[in-house]
Amino acid sequence: MPRRGGPVAALLLLGTLLAGVAPADTGRRWDFRVTLDDQPIGDHRFSSTGSGGDRQVTSEASFVVRILGIVAYRYRHQAIEQWRGNCLSGLAATTEENGKTSRVRADAVGTAAAPGEAAAQALDGCMMSFAYWNPAILKQTRLFNAQTGRAENVQLQPQGSGTIDVRGEPVVAARWRITGPAQPIDLWYSPQGEWIGLDATVSGGRRLSYRLR
């Protein structure tokens, strides 16, 4: 389990992190190894491209959980998000979970459906998705869920500091907790404000973890 740091270390980490809240740099990639109870199940990759305040972020996740060699759970998710500054301006997402497919579309005004497509719902003002890669998320009280198509009320609270393994090395990081979704989510950020990890308890009390690689 991650170790909690002392109060002085926590204050330094949190102060540095909040001072750096700003739109994420463009032309970046985040590649996470995903484990369930410390067993690898897949990966989740993010990439950001664009210029100025406008950018596109692509999220791609693929998980397979096996029990005694038999596939017990399969999950794939892809989302393409359009951003203006820290405001989500458009989103198209597809999720496949154990053979069932769902799609979500949203934009700033709500767009009528094209043939064979669902209409895009309107985003309410300047809203963020669960964009863990952008430290501005730490100031939000509502987030748009790209899988369900719903806006969720959330709270984000600092939880001090700890040490997690990133790319095979121990890294002292600030931990923040999101409450409001079905299960709390713990996010880990480096002193420079980079998202480097995630921990959550999922169905059956199992531990889902992301670690940057």
N, C-alpha and C. Protein backbone atom coordinates (compact mmCIF):
# COMPACT_ATOMS: atom_id res chain seq x y z
N MET A 1 0.84 -1.18 0.00
CA MET A 1 0.00 0.00 0.00
C MET A 1 0.88 1.25 0.00
N PRO A 2 0.43 2.35 -0.67
CA PRO A 2 1.21 3.56 -0.66
C PRO A 2 1.38 4.08 0.76
N ARG A 3 2.55 4.69 1.02
CA ARG A 3 2.83 5.22 2.35
C ARG A 3 2.46 6.69 2.40
N ARG A 4 1.80 7.09 3.46
CA ARG A 4 1.42 8.48 3.63
C ARG A 4 2.62 9.27 4.15
N GLY A 5 2.90 10.42 3.56
CA GLY A 5 4.00 11.26 3.99
C GLY A 5 3.60 12.14 5.15
N GLY A 6 4.56 12.89 5.67
CA GLY A 6 4.31 13.79 6.78
C GLY A 6 3.57 15.03 6.33
N PRO A 7 3.10 15.86 7.28
CA PRO A 7 2.32 17.04 6.93
C PRO A 7 3.09 18.06 6.13
N VAL A 8 4.38 18.23 6.41
CA VAL A 8 5.16 19.21 5.66
C VAL A 8 5.29 18.79 4.21
N ALA A 9 5.60 17.51 3.97
CA ALA A 9 5.72 17.01 2.60
C ALA A 9 4.40 17.17 1.85
N ALA A 10 3.29 16.88 2.54
CA ALA A 10 1.98 17.00 1.89
C ALA A 10 1.70 18.43 1.48
N LEU A 11 1.98 19.39 2.35
CA LEU A 11 1.73 20.79 2.04
C LEU A 11 2.56 21.25 0.85
N LEU A 12 3.82 20.84 0.80
CA LEU A 12 4.68 21.22 -0.32
C LEU A 12 4.16 20.65 -1.63
N LEU A 13 3.77 19.37 -1.60
CA LEU A 13 3.28 18.73 -2.81
C LEU A 13 1.98 19.37 -3.29
N LEU A 14 1.05 19.59 -2.38
CA LEU A 14 -0.25 20.12 -2.76
C LEU A 14 -0.13 21.55 -3.24
N GLY A 15 0.75 22.34 -2.59
CA GLY A 15 0.94 23.72 -3.01
C GLY A 15 1.51 23.79 -4.42
N THR A 16 2.48 22.95 -4.72
CA THR A 16 3.07 22.91 -6.05
C THR A 16 2.05 22.50 -7.09
N LEU A 17 1.24 21.51 -6.74
CA LEU A 17 0.25 20.99 -7.68
C LEU A 17 -0.79 22.05 -8.02
N LEU A 18 -1.37 22.69 -7.00
CA LEU A 18 -2.42 23.68 -7.25
C LEU A 18 -1.88 24.90 -7.98
N ALA A 19 -0.63 25.27 -7.72
CA ALA A 19 -0.05 26.40 -8.42
C ALA A 19 0.09 26.12 -9.90
N GLY A 20 0.15 24.84 -10.27
CA GLY A 20 0.35 24.48 -11.67
C GLY A 20 -0.93 24.17 -12.41
N VAL A 21 -2.12 24.41 -11.81
CA VAL A 21 -3.37 24.09 -12.49
C VAL A 21 -3.50 24.96 -13.73
N ALA A 22 -3.58 24.32 -14.89
CA ALA A 22 -3.65 25.02 -16.17
C ALA A 22 -4.03 24.00 -17.23
N PRO A 23 -4.43 24.45 -18.43
CA PRO A 23 -4.70 23.48 -19.49
C PRO A 23 -3.49 22.60 -19.74
N ALA A 24 -3.74 21.32 -19.98
CA ALA A 24 -2.65 20.38 -20.22
C ALA A 24 -1.90 20.76 -21.50
N ASP A 25 -0.60 20.48 -21.53
CA ASP A 25 0.19 20.74 -22.72
C ASP A 25 -0.35 19.91 -23.88
N THR A 26 -0.25 20.45 -25.10
CA THR A 26 -0.67 19.69 -26.27
C THR A 26 0.49 18.81 -26.73
N GLY A 27 0.16 17.87 -27.61
CA GLY A 27 1.17 16.97 -28.13
C GLY A 27 1.74 16.06 -27.07
N ARG A 28 0.87 15.53 -26.19
CA ARG A 28 1.34 14.68 -25.11
C ARG A 28 0.66 13.32 -25.15
N ARG A 29 1.31 12.35 -24.50
CA ARG A 29 0.74 11.00 -24.38
C ARG A 29 0.88 10.52 -22.94
N TRP A 30 -0.11 9.76 -22.50
CA TRP A 30 -0.06 9.09 -21.20
C TRP A 30 -0.40 7.62 -21.44
N ASP A 31 0.46 6.73 -21.02
CA ASP A 31 0.28 5.29 -21.26
C ASP A 31 0.29 4.59 -19.90
N PHE A 32 -0.86 4.05 -19.51
CA PHE A 32 -1.01 3.45 -18.19
C PHE A 32 -1.12 1.93 -18.27
N ARG A 33 -0.38 1.27 -17.41
CA ARG A 33 -0.55 -0.16 -17.18
C ARG A 33 -1.67 -0.33 -16.17
N VAL A 34 -2.61 -1.21 -16.44
CA VAL A 34 -3.79 -1.39 -15.57
C VAL A 34 -3.74 -2.76 -14.93
N THR A 35 -3.93 -2.81 -13.62
CA THR A 35 -3.94 -4.08 -12.88
C THR A 35 -5.21 -4.21 -12.05
N LEU A 36 -5.56 -5.45 -11.77
CA LEU A 36 -6.67 -5.76 -10.88
C LEU A 36 -6.11 -6.68 -9.80
N ASP A 37 -6.13 -6.21 -8.55
CA ASP A 37 -5.47 -6.95 -7.46
C ASP A 37 -4.04 -7.32 -7.84
N ASP A 38 -3.34 -6.34 -8.40
CA ASP A 38 -1.92 -6.45 -8.77
C ASP A 38 -1.65 -7.37 -9.96
N GLN A 39 -2.70 -7.87 -10.62
CA GLN A 39 -2.52 -8.70 -11.81
C GLN A 39 -2.82 -7.87 -13.06
N PRO A 40 -1.92 -7.85 -14.05
CA PRO A 40 -2.16 -7.04 -15.25
C PRO A 40 -3.39 -7.50 -16.02
N ILE A 41 -4.22 -6.52 -16.43
CA ILE A 41 -5.42 -6.83 -17.20
C ILE A 41 -5.51 -6.03 -18.51
N GLY A 42 -4.60 -5.07 -18.71
CA GLY A 42 -4.66 -4.30 -19.94
C GLY A 42 -3.98 -2.96 -19.81
N ASP A 43 -4.44 -2.01 -20.63
CA ASP A 43 -3.84 -0.69 -20.61
C ASP A 43 -4.87 0.38 -20.95
N HIS A 44 -4.52 1.61 -20.64
CA HIS A 44 -5.37 2.77 -20.96
C HIS A 44 -4.44 3.87 -21.43
N ARG A 45 -4.63 4.31 -22.67
CA ARG A 45 -3.76 5.32 -23.27
C ARG A 45 -4.54 6.59 -23.59
N PHE A 46 -3.87 7.72 -23.40
CA PHE A 46 -4.43 9.02 -23.71
C PHE A 46 -3.43 9.76 -24.60
N SER A 47 -3.93 10.51 -25.57
CA SER A 47 -3.07 11.36 -26.39
C SER A 47 -3.76 12.70 -26.62
N SER A 48 -2.96 13.77 -26.60
CA SER A 48 -3.48 15.13 -26.76
C SER A 48 -2.77 15.79 -27.91
N THR A 49 -3.55 16.38 -28.84
CA THR A 49 -2.98 17.12 -29.96
C THR A 49 -3.75 18.42 -30.12
N GLY A 50 -3.10 19.42 -30.71
CA GLY A 50 -3.78 20.67 -30.95
C GLY A 50 -2.83 21.84 -30.82
N SER A 51 -3.41 23.05 -30.90
CA SER A 51 -2.61 24.25 -30.78
C SER A 51 -3.41 25.30 -30.03
N GLY A 52 -2.68 26.18 -29.31
CA GLY A 52 -3.35 27.20 -28.53
C GLY A 52 -4.24 26.57 -27.49
N GLY A 53 -5.45 27.09 -27.30
CA GLY A 53 -6.38 26.55 -26.32
C GLY A 53 -7.24 25.43 -26.86
N ASP A 54 -7.18 25.17 -28.17
CA ASP A 54 -8.00 24.12 -28.77
C ASP A 54 -7.18 22.85 -28.90
N ARG A 55 -7.76 21.74 -28.46
CA ARG A 55 -7.04 20.48 -28.58
C ARG A 55 -8.03 19.31 -28.63
N GLN A 56 -7.53 18.19 -29.11
CA GLN A 56 -8.30 16.94 -29.14
C GLN A 56 -7.58 15.93 -28.28
N VAL A 57 -8.35 15.25 -27.46
CA VAL A 57 -7.80 14.22 -26.58
C VAL A 57 -8.49 12.89 -26.90
N THR A 58 -7.69 11.88 -27.19
CA THR A 58 -8.21 10.55 -27.48
C THR A 58 -7.88 9.61 -26.32
N SER A 59 -8.88 8.89 -25.86
CA SER A 59 -8.72 7.93 -24.76
C SER A 59 -9.09 6.54 -25.26
N GLU A 60 -8.18 5.56 -25.05
CA GLU A 60 -8.42 4.19 -25.49
C GLU A 60 -8.06 3.22 -24.38
N ALA A 61 -9.04 2.43 -23.94
CA ALA A 61 -8.83 1.46 -22.87
C ALA A 61 -9.22 0.07 -23.37
N SER A 62 -8.46 -0.93 -22.91
CA SER A 62 -8.76 -2.32 -23.24
C SER A 62 -8.38 -3.20 -22.06
N PHE A 63 -9.39 -3.88 -21.46
CA PHE A 63 -9.15 -4.75 -20.31
C PHE A 63 -9.72 -6.14 -20.59
N VAL A 64 -9.00 -7.15 -20.13
CA VAL A 64 -9.51 -8.53 -20.16
C VAL A 64 -9.17 -9.17 -18.82
N VAL A 65 -10.20 -9.66 -18.12
CA VAL A 65 -10.02 -10.34 -16.84
C VAL A 65 -10.27 -11.83 -17.05
N ARG A 66 -9.29 -12.65 -16.67
CA ARG A 66 -9.42 -14.10 -16.81
C ARG A 66 -9.42 -14.77 -15.45
N ILE A 67 -10.23 -15.80 -15.31
CA ILE A 67 -10.25 -16.64 -14.11
C ILE A 67 -9.99 -18.08 -14.56
N LEU A 68 -8.89 -18.64 -14.07
CA LEU A 68 -8.47 -19.99 -14.47
C LEU A 68 -8.37 -20.11 -15.99
N GLY A 69 -7.86 -19.03 -16.61
CA GLY A 69 -7.64 -19.04 -18.04
C GLY A 69 -8.86 -18.72 -18.88
N ILE A 70 -10.02 -18.56 -18.27
CA ILE A 70 -11.26 -18.28 -19.00
C ILE A 70 -11.60 -16.80 -18.87
N VAL A 71 -11.97 -16.18 -19.97
CA VAL A 71 -12.32 -14.76 -19.94
C VAL A 71 -13.61 -14.56 -19.15
N ALA A 72 -13.50 -13.81 -18.04
CA ALA A 72 -14.66 -13.53 -17.20
C ALA A 72 -15.22 -12.12 -17.44
N TYR A 73 -14.38 -11.26 -17.97
CA TYR A 73 -14.82 -9.87 -18.19
C TYR A 73 -13.96 -9.26 -19.29
N ARG A 74 -14.64 -8.55 -20.20
CA ARG A 74 -13.94 -7.88 -21.30
C ARG A 74 -14.50 -6.46 -21.43
N TYR A 75 -13.58 -5.50 -21.57
CA TYR A 75 -14.00 -4.09 -21.61
C TYR A 75 -13.13 -3.34 -22.61
N ARG A 76 -13.78 -2.57 -23.47
CA ARG A 76 -13.09 -1.68 -24.39
C ARG A 76 -13.80 -0.33 -24.40
N HIS A 77 -13.03 0.73 -24.43
CA HIS A 77 -13.62 2.06 -24.42
C HIS A 77 -12.76 2.99 -25.26
N GLN A 78 -13.41 3.78 -26.11
CA GLN A 78 -12.71 4.82 -26.86
C GLN A 78 -13.53 6.10 -26.80
N ALA A 79 -12.86 7.20 -26.50
CA ALA A 79 -13.51 8.51 -26.48
C ALA A 79 -12.62 9.51 -27.20
N ILE A 80 -13.23 10.34 -28.03
CA ILE A 80 -12.54 11.45 -28.69
C ILE A 80 -13.18 12.73 -28.18
N GLU A 81 -12.40 13.55 -27.49
CA GLU A 81 -12.91 14.76 -26.85
C GLU A 81 -12.30 15.99 -27.50
N GLN A 82 -13.12 17.02 -27.70
CA GLN A 82 -12.68 18.32 -28.18
C GLN A 82 -12.70 19.30 -27.01
N TRP A 83 -11.62 20.06 -26.86
CA TRP A 83 -11.48 20.99 -25.73
C TRP A 83 -11.16 22.39 -26.23
N ARG A 84 -11.74 23.38 -25.52
CA ARG A 84 -11.35 24.78 -25.67
C ARG A 84 -10.95 25.25 -24.28
N GLY A 85 -9.64 25.43 -24.09
CA GLY A 85 -9.16 25.70 -22.74
C GLY A 85 -9.48 24.52 -21.84
N ASN A 86 -10.12 24.81 -20.71
CA ASN A 86 -10.50 23.74 -19.79
C ASN A 86 -11.97 23.35 -19.94
N CYS A 87 -12.59 23.73 -21.06
CA CYS A 87 -14.01 23.44 -21.29
C CYS A 87 -14.14 22.35 -22.35
N LEU A 88 -14.89 21.32 -22.05
CA LEU A 88 -15.20 20.26 -23.01
C LEU A 88 -16.21 20.81 -24.02
N SER A 89 -15.85 20.80 -25.31
CA SER A 89 -16.75 21.34 -26.33
C SER A 89 -17.38 20.27 -27.20
N GLY A 90 -16.88 19.05 -27.15
CA GLY A 90 -17.46 17.98 -27.93
C GLY A 90 -16.91 16.63 -27.51
N LEU A 91 -17.71 15.59 -27.68
CA LEU A 91 -17.30 14.25 -27.25
C LEU A 91 -18.04 13.19 -28.06
N ALA A 92 -17.32 12.15 -28.44
CA ALA A 92 -17.92 10.97 -29.05
C ALA A 92 -17.24 9.76 -28.44
N ALA A 93 -18.01 8.89 -27.79
CA ALA A 93 -17.44 7.76 -27.05
C ALA A 93 -18.21 6.48 -27.37
N THR A 94 -17.46 5.38 -27.42
CA THR A 94 -18.04 4.05 -27.60
C THR A 94 -17.48 3.13 -26.53
N THR A 95 -18.35 2.39 -25.87
CA THR A 95 -17.95 1.45 -24.82
C THR A 95 -18.51 0.07 -25.13
N GLU A 96 -17.63 -0.94 -25.07
CA GLU A 96 -18.05 -2.33 -25.21
C GLU A 96 -17.73 -3.05 -23.90
N GLU A 97 -18.75 -3.58 -23.27
CA GLU A 97 -18.58 -4.25 -21.98
C GLU A 97 -19.27 -5.60 -22.04
N ASN A 98 -18.46 -6.66 -22.04
CA ASN A 98 -18.99 -8.03 -22.13
C ASN A 98 -19.99 -8.19 -23.26
N GLY A 99 -19.62 -7.67 -24.42
CA GLY A 99 -20.44 -7.85 -25.61
C GLY A 99 -21.53 -6.83 -25.81
N LYS A 100 -21.79 -5.95 -24.85
CA LYS A 100 -22.81 -4.92 -24.98
C LYS A 100 -22.14 -3.59 -25.33
N THR A 101 -22.68 -2.91 -26.35
CA THR A 101 -22.09 -1.67 -26.84
C THR A 101 -23.00 -0.48 -26.53
N SER A 102 -22.39 0.60 -26.03
CA SER A 102 -23.13 1.84 -25.79
C SER A 102 -22.34 3.00 -26.39
N ARG A 103 -23.07 4.04 -26.81
CA ARG A 103 -22.42 5.21 -27.42
C ARG A 103 -22.95 6.48 -26.79
N VAL A 104 -22.04 7.45 -26.67
CA VAL A 104 -22.39 8.76 -26.11
C VAL A 104 -21.85 9.84 -27.04
N ARG A 105 -22.69 10.81 -27.36
CA ARG A 105 -22.26 11.99 -28.12
C ARG A 105 -22.74 13.24 -27.40
N ALA A 106 -21.88 14.25 -27.38
CA ALA A 106 -22.24 15.50 -26.74
C ALA A 106 -21.47 16.64 -27.38
N ASP A 107 -22.07 17.83 -27.39
CA ASP A 107 -21.35 19.02 -27.83
C ASP A 107 -21.94 20.24 -27.14
N ALA A 108 -21.43 21.40 -27.45
CA ALA A 108 -21.81 22.61 -26.72
C ALA A 108 -23.27 22.98 -26.90
N VAL A 109 -23.87 22.66 -28.05
CA VAL A 109 -25.23 23.11 -28.33
C VAL A 109 -26.23 21.98 -28.46
N GLY A 110 -25.75 20.74 -28.62
CA GLY A 110 -26.66 19.63 -28.88
C GLY A 110 -26.99 19.59 -30.36
N THR A 111 -26.46 18.61 -31.07
CA THR A 111 -26.58 18.54 -32.52
C THR A 111 -27.57 17.47 -32.92
N ALA A 112 -28.40 17.79 -33.92
CA ALA A 112 -29.38 16.81 -34.40
C ALA A 112 -28.67 15.57 -34.93
N ALA A 113 -29.39 14.47 -34.93
CA ALA A 113 -28.80 13.20 -35.32
C ALA A 113 -28.59 13.13 -36.82
N ALA A 114 -27.43 12.60 -37.21
CA ALA A 114 -27.20 12.23 -38.59
C ALA A 114 -27.85 10.87 -38.83
N PRO A 115 -28.08 10.49 -40.08
CA PRO A 115 -28.70 9.18 -40.33
C PRO A 115 -27.94 8.05 -39.65
N GLY A 116 -28.65 7.26 -38.88
CA GLY A 116 -28.05 6.11 -38.20
C GLY A 116 -27.32 6.45 -36.92
N GLU A 117 -27.36 7.70 -36.48
CA GLU A 117 -26.67 8.10 -35.26
C GLU A 117 -27.66 8.68 -34.26
N ALA A 118 -27.24 8.64 -32.98
CA ALA A 118 -28.03 9.28 -31.94
C ALA A 118 -27.70 10.77 -31.90
N ALA A 119 -28.67 11.57 -31.50
CA ALA A 119 -28.44 13.01 -31.38
C ALA A 119 -27.41 13.29 -30.28
N ALA A 120 -26.65 14.36 -30.48
CA ALA A 120 -25.67 14.75 -29.46
C ALA A 120 -26.37 15.59 -28.41
N GLN A 121 -26.18 15.25 -27.15
CA GLN A 121 -26.77 16.04 -26.08
C GLN A 121 -25.93 17.29 -25.86
N ALA A 122 -26.56 18.32 -25.28
CA ALA A 122 -25.88 19.58 -25.05
C ALA A 122 -25.12 19.54 -23.73
N LEU A 123 -23.88 20.03 -23.75
CA LEU A 123 -23.09 20.16 -22.53
C LEU A 123 -23.52 21.43 -21.80
N ASP A 124 -23.58 21.35 -20.50
CA ASP A 124 -24.08 22.46 -19.67
C ASP A 124 -22.94 23.39 -19.30
N GLY A 125 -22.80 24.49 -20.07
CA GLY A 125 -21.78 25.48 -19.75
C GLY A 125 -20.37 24.93 -19.93
N CYS A 126 -19.44 25.50 -19.17
CA CYS A 126 -18.04 25.05 -19.22
C CYS A 126 -17.88 23.86 -18.29
N MET A 127 -17.89 22.67 -18.87
CA MET A 127 -17.83 21.44 -18.08
C MET A 127 -16.63 20.62 -18.50
N MET A 128 -16.07 19.90 -17.54
CA MET A 128 -15.00 18.95 -17.83
C MET A 128 -15.54 17.53 -17.77
N SER A 129 -14.89 16.62 -18.48
CA SER A 129 -15.14 15.20 -18.29
C SER A 129 -14.25 14.72 -17.15
N PHE A 130 -14.19 13.39 -16.94
CA PHE A 130 -13.27 12.84 -15.94
C PHE A 130 -11.86 12.86 -16.54
N ALA A 131 -11.36 14.08 -16.77
CA ALA A 131 -10.08 14.31 -17.45
C ALA A 131 -8.97 14.35 -16.41
N TYR A 132 -8.60 13.19 -15.91
CA TYR A 132 -7.61 13.12 -14.83
C TYR A 132 -6.27 13.73 -15.24
N TRP A 133 -5.97 13.72 -16.53
CA TRP A 133 -4.70 14.23 -17.05
C TRP A 133 -4.57 15.74 -16.89
N ASN A 134 -5.67 16.45 -16.65
CA ASN A 134 -5.65 17.90 -16.53
C ASN A 134 -5.84 18.30 -15.07
N PRO A 135 -4.82 18.88 -14.39
CA PRO A 135 -4.96 19.22 -12.98
C PRO A 135 -6.10 20.18 -12.68
N ALA A 136 -6.67 20.85 -13.69
CA ALA A 136 -7.82 21.71 -13.45
C ALA A 136 -9.02 20.93 -12.94
N ILE A 137 -9.00 19.61 -13.11
CA ILE A 137 -10.10 18.78 -12.61
C ILE A 137 -10.23 18.91 -11.09
N LEU A 138 -9.15 19.25 -10.42
CA LEU A 138 -9.15 19.29 -8.95
C LEU A 138 -10.02 20.40 -8.40
N LYS A 139 -10.45 21.34 -9.25
CA LYS A 139 -11.30 22.44 -8.80
C LYS A 139 -12.76 22.26 -9.20
N GLN A 140 -13.11 21.11 -9.79
CA GLN A 140 -14.45 20.91 -10.33
C GLN A 140 -15.42 20.33 -9.29
N THR A 141 -16.71 20.63 -9.49
CA THR A 141 -17.77 20.05 -8.66
C THR A 141 -18.75 19.21 -9.48
N ARG A 142 -18.67 19.29 -10.82
CA ARG A 142 -19.48 18.46 -11.71
C ARG A 142 -18.62 18.00 -12.86
N LEU A 143 -18.74 16.73 -13.23
CA LEU A 143 -17.97 16.17 -14.32
C LEU A 143 -18.88 15.35 -15.24
N PHE A 144 -18.58 15.41 -16.54
CA PHE A 144 -19.38 14.68 -17.51
C PHE A 144 -18.79 13.28 -17.68
N ASN A 145 -19.64 12.26 -17.55
CA ASN A 145 -19.23 10.88 -17.66
C ASN A 145 -19.36 10.42 -19.11
N ALA A 146 -18.20 10.15 -19.75
CA ALA A 146 -18.21 9.79 -21.17
C ALA A 146 -18.80 8.41 -21.43
N GLN A 147 -18.95 7.60 -20.40
CA GLN A 147 -19.51 6.26 -20.59
C GLN A 147 -21.02 6.25 -20.42
N THR A 148 -21.54 7.05 -19.48
CA THR A 148 -22.98 7.06 -19.22
C THR A 148 -23.70 8.22 -19.90
N GLY A 149 -22.96 9.29 -20.27
CA GLY A 149 -23.60 10.46 -20.85
C GLY A 149 -24.28 11.34 -19.83
N ARG A 150 -23.93 11.19 -18.55
CA ARG A 150 -24.55 11.99 -17.50
C ARG A 150 -23.51 12.87 -16.81
N ALA A 151 -23.97 14.03 -16.35
CA ALA A 151 -23.13 14.89 -15.51
C ALA A 151 -23.27 14.42 -14.06
N GLU A 152 -22.15 14.30 -13.36
CA GLU A 152 -22.17 13.79 -12.00
C GLU A 152 -21.61 14.84 -11.04
N ASN A 153 -22.30 15.01 -9.91
CA ASN A 153 -21.79 15.88 -8.86
C ASN A 153 -20.65 15.17 -8.15
N VAL A 154 -19.55 15.88 -7.96
CA VAL A 154 -18.36 15.26 -7.36
C VAL A 154 -17.75 16.22 -6.33
N GLN A 155 -16.94 15.64 -5.46
CA GLN A 155 -16.09 16.40 -4.56
C GLN A 155 -14.67 15.87 -4.69
N LEU A 156 -13.71 16.77 -4.71
CA LEU A 156 -12.31 16.38 -4.75
C LEU A 156 -11.61 16.92 -3.52
N GLN A 157 -10.98 16.02 -2.78
CA GLN A 157 -10.35 16.38 -1.52
C GLN A 157 -8.91 15.89 -1.50
N PRO A 158 -7.96 16.73 -1.03
CA PRO A 158 -6.58 16.25 -0.89
C PRO A 158 -6.48 15.23 0.23
N GLN A 159 -5.65 14.22 0.01
CA GLN A 159 -5.49 13.13 0.98
C GLN A 159 -4.05 13.00 1.45
N GLY A 160 -3.27 14.09 1.36
CA GLY A 160 -1.88 14.04 1.78
C GLY A 160 -0.99 13.49 0.68
N SER A 161 0.15 12.96 1.06
CA SER A 161 1.11 12.46 0.08
C SER A 161 1.48 11.02 0.39
N GLY A 162 2.08 10.36 -0.57
CA GLY A 162 2.52 8.98 -0.41
C GLY A 162 3.53 8.65 -1.48
N THR A 163 3.96 7.41 -1.52
CA THR A 163 4.94 6.97 -2.51
C THR A 163 4.34 5.83 -3.32
N ILE A 164 4.39 5.96 -4.64
CA ILE A 164 3.93 4.89 -5.52
C ILE A 164 5.03 4.58 -6.53
N ASP A 165 4.97 3.38 -7.10
CA ASP A 165 5.95 2.97 -8.11
C ASP A 165 5.50 3.42 -9.49
N VAL A 166 6.35 4.17 -10.17
CA VAL A 166 6.08 4.64 -11.52
C VAL A 166 7.30 4.34 -12.38
N ARG A 167 7.09 3.59 -13.45
CA ARG A 167 8.18 3.19 -14.33
C ARG A 167 9.30 2.49 -13.55
N GLY A 168 8.91 1.70 -12.56
CA GLY A 168 9.87 0.94 -11.79
C GLY A 168 10.61 1.71 -10.72
N GLU A 169 10.22 2.96 -10.49
CA GLU A 169 10.89 3.78 -9.49
C GLU A 169 9.87 4.35 -8.50
N PRO A 170 10.25 4.45 -7.21
CA PRO A 170 9.34 5.07 -6.24
C PRO A 170 9.25 6.57 -6.47
N VAL A 171 8.03 7.09 -6.47
CA VAL A 171 7.80 8.52 -6.69
C VAL A 171 6.92 9.04 -5.57
N VAL A 172 7.35 10.13 -4.92
CA VAL A 172 6.52 10.80 -3.93
C VAL A 172 5.45 11.59 -4.67
N ALA A 173 4.19 11.40 -4.31
CA ALA A 173 3.09 11.98 -5.07
C ALA A 173 2.00 12.49 -4.14
N ALA A 174 1.24 13.46 -4.64
CA ALA A 174 0.06 13.97 -3.93
C ALA A 174 -1.15 13.12 -4.31
N ARG A 175 -1.95 12.77 -3.31
CA ARG A 175 -3.14 11.94 -3.56
C ARG A 175 -4.40 12.77 -3.37
N TRP A 176 -5.30 12.69 -4.33
CA TRP A 176 -6.60 13.36 -4.29
C TRP A 176 -7.69 12.31 -4.44
N ARG A 177 -8.78 12.51 -3.74
CA ARG A 177 -9.90 11.55 -3.79
C ARG A 177 -11.13 12.21 -4.41
N ILE A 178 -11.70 11.51 -5.40
CA ILE A 178 -12.98 11.92 -5.99
C ILE A 178 -14.08 11.10 -5.34
N THR A 179 -15.04 11.78 -4.74
CA THR A 179 -16.23 11.10 -4.22
C THR A 179 -17.44 11.63 -4.99
N GLY A 180 -18.45 10.81 -5.06
CA GLY A 180 -19.65 11.17 -5.82
C GLY A 180 -20.02 10.07 -6.79
N PRO A 181 -19.04 9.52 -7.57
CA PRO A 181 -19.36 8.34 -8.39
C PRO A 181 -19.68 7.14 -7.49
N ALA A 182 -20.00 6.01 -8.10
CA ALA A 182 -20.40 4.83 -7.33
C ALA A 182 -19.35 4.44 -6.31
N GLN A 183 -18.08 4.55 -6.66
CA GLN A 183 -16.99 4.23 -5.75
C GLN A 183 -15.99 5.38 -5.75
N PRO A 184 -15.40 5.69 -4.60
CA PRO A 184 -14.36 6.73 -4.59
C PRO A 184 -13.19 6.34 -5.50
N ILE A 185 -12.55 7.35 -6.06
CA ILE A 185 -11.39 7.16 -6.93
C ILE A 185 -10.25 7.99 -6.36
N ASP A 186 -9.10 7.37 -6.17
CA ASP A 186 -7.90 8.08 -5.72
C ASP A 186 -7.00 8.36 -6.91
N LEU A 187 -6.62 9.63 -7.06
CA LEU A 187 -5.72 10.05 -8.13
C LEU A 187 -4.37 10.44 -7.54
N TRP A 188 -3.30 10.14 -8.27
CA TRP A 188 -1.95 10.46 -7.83
C TRP A 188 -1.31 11.41 -8.83
N TYR A 189 -0.69 12.50 -8.31
CA TYR A 189 -0.01 13.49 -9.14
C TYR A 189 1.41 13.72 -8.65
N SER A 190 2.32 13.87 -9.61
CA SER A 190 3.71 14.18 -9.27
C SER A 190 3.79 15.62 -8.76
N PRO A 191 4.92 16.01 -8.14
CA PRO A 191 5.07 17.40 -7.69
C PRO A 191 4.96 18.40 -8.85
N GLN A 192 5.19 17.95 -10.08
CA GLN A 192 5.06 18.83 -11.25
C GLN A 192 3.63 18.90 -11.78
N GLY A 193 2.70 18.18 -11.14
CA GLY A 193 1.31 18.21 -11.56
C GLY A 193 0.94 17.18 -12.61
N GLU A 194 1.83 16.22 -12.90
CA GLU A 194 1.53 15.18 -13.89
C GLU A 194 0.74 14.05 -13.25
N TRP A 195 -0.32 13.64 -13.93
CA TRP A 195 -1.10 12.49 -13.44
C TRP A 195 -0.28 11.23 -13.65
N ILE A 196 -0.04 10.48 -12.57
CA ILE A 196 0.83 9.30 -12.67
C ILE A 196 0.18 8.02 -12.14
N GLY A 197 -1.02 8.09 -11.53
CA GLY A 197 -1.63 6.87 -11.02
C GLY A 197 -3.07 7.05 -10.61
N LEU A 198 -3.75 5.93 -10.45
CA LEU A 198 -5.15 5.89 -10.03
C LEU A 198 -5.38 4.60 -9.27
N ASP A 199 -6.19 4.66 -8.22
CA ASP A 199 -6.61 3.48 -7.48
C ASP A 199 -8.11 3.57 -7.20
N ALA A 200 -8.81 2.46 -7.34
CA ALA A 200 -10.24 2.43 -7.05
C ALA A 200 -10.64 1.02 -6.63
N THR A 201 -11.66 0.95 -5.79
CA THR A 201 -12.23 -0.34 -5.41
C THR A 201 -13.42 -0.60 -6.32
N VAL A 202 -13.42 -1.76 -6.97
CA VAL A 202 -14.49 -2.09 -7.92
C VAL A 202 -15.29 -3.28 -7.39
N SER A 203 -16.17 -3.81 -8.22
CA SER A 203 -17.07 -4.89 -7.82
C SER A 203 -16.32 -6.03 -7.14
N GLY A 204 -16.89 -6.52 -6.04
CA GLY A 204 -16.28 -7.62 -5.31
C GLY A 204 -15.17 -7.19 -4.38
N GLY A 205 -15.01 -5.87 -4.20
CA GLY A 205 -13.96 -5.37 -3.32
C GLY A 205 -12.57 -5.46 -3.91
N ARG A 206 -12.47 -5.64 -5.21
CA ARG A 206 -11.17 -5.78 -5.86
C ARG A 206 -10.57 -4.40 -6.14
N ARG A 207 -9.24 -4.36 -6.23
CA ARG A 207 -8.52 -3.09 -6.37
C ARG A 207 -8.05 -2.91 -7.81
N LEU A 208 -8.56 -1.85 -8.45
CA LEU A 208 -8.15 -1.49 -9.79
C LEU A 208 -7.11 -0.38 -9.70
N SER A 209 -5.99 -0.53 -10.41
CA SER A 209 -4.91 0.45 -10.32
C SER A 209 -4.38 0.80 -11.70
N TYR A 210 -4.06 2.08 -11.89
CA TYR A 210 -3.35 2.56 -13.06
C TYR A 210 -1.97 3.04 -12.60
N ARG A 211 -0.93 2.72 -13.36
CA ARG A 211 0.38 3.27 -13.11
C ARG A 211 1.01 3.68 -14.43
N LEU A 212 1.50 4.90 -14.49
CA LEU A 212 2.11 5.42 -15.71
C LEU A 212 3.35 4.63 -16.07
N ARG A 213 3.50 4.35 -17.36
CA ARG A 213 4.70 3.63 -17.80
C ARG A 213 5.33 4.32 -19.00
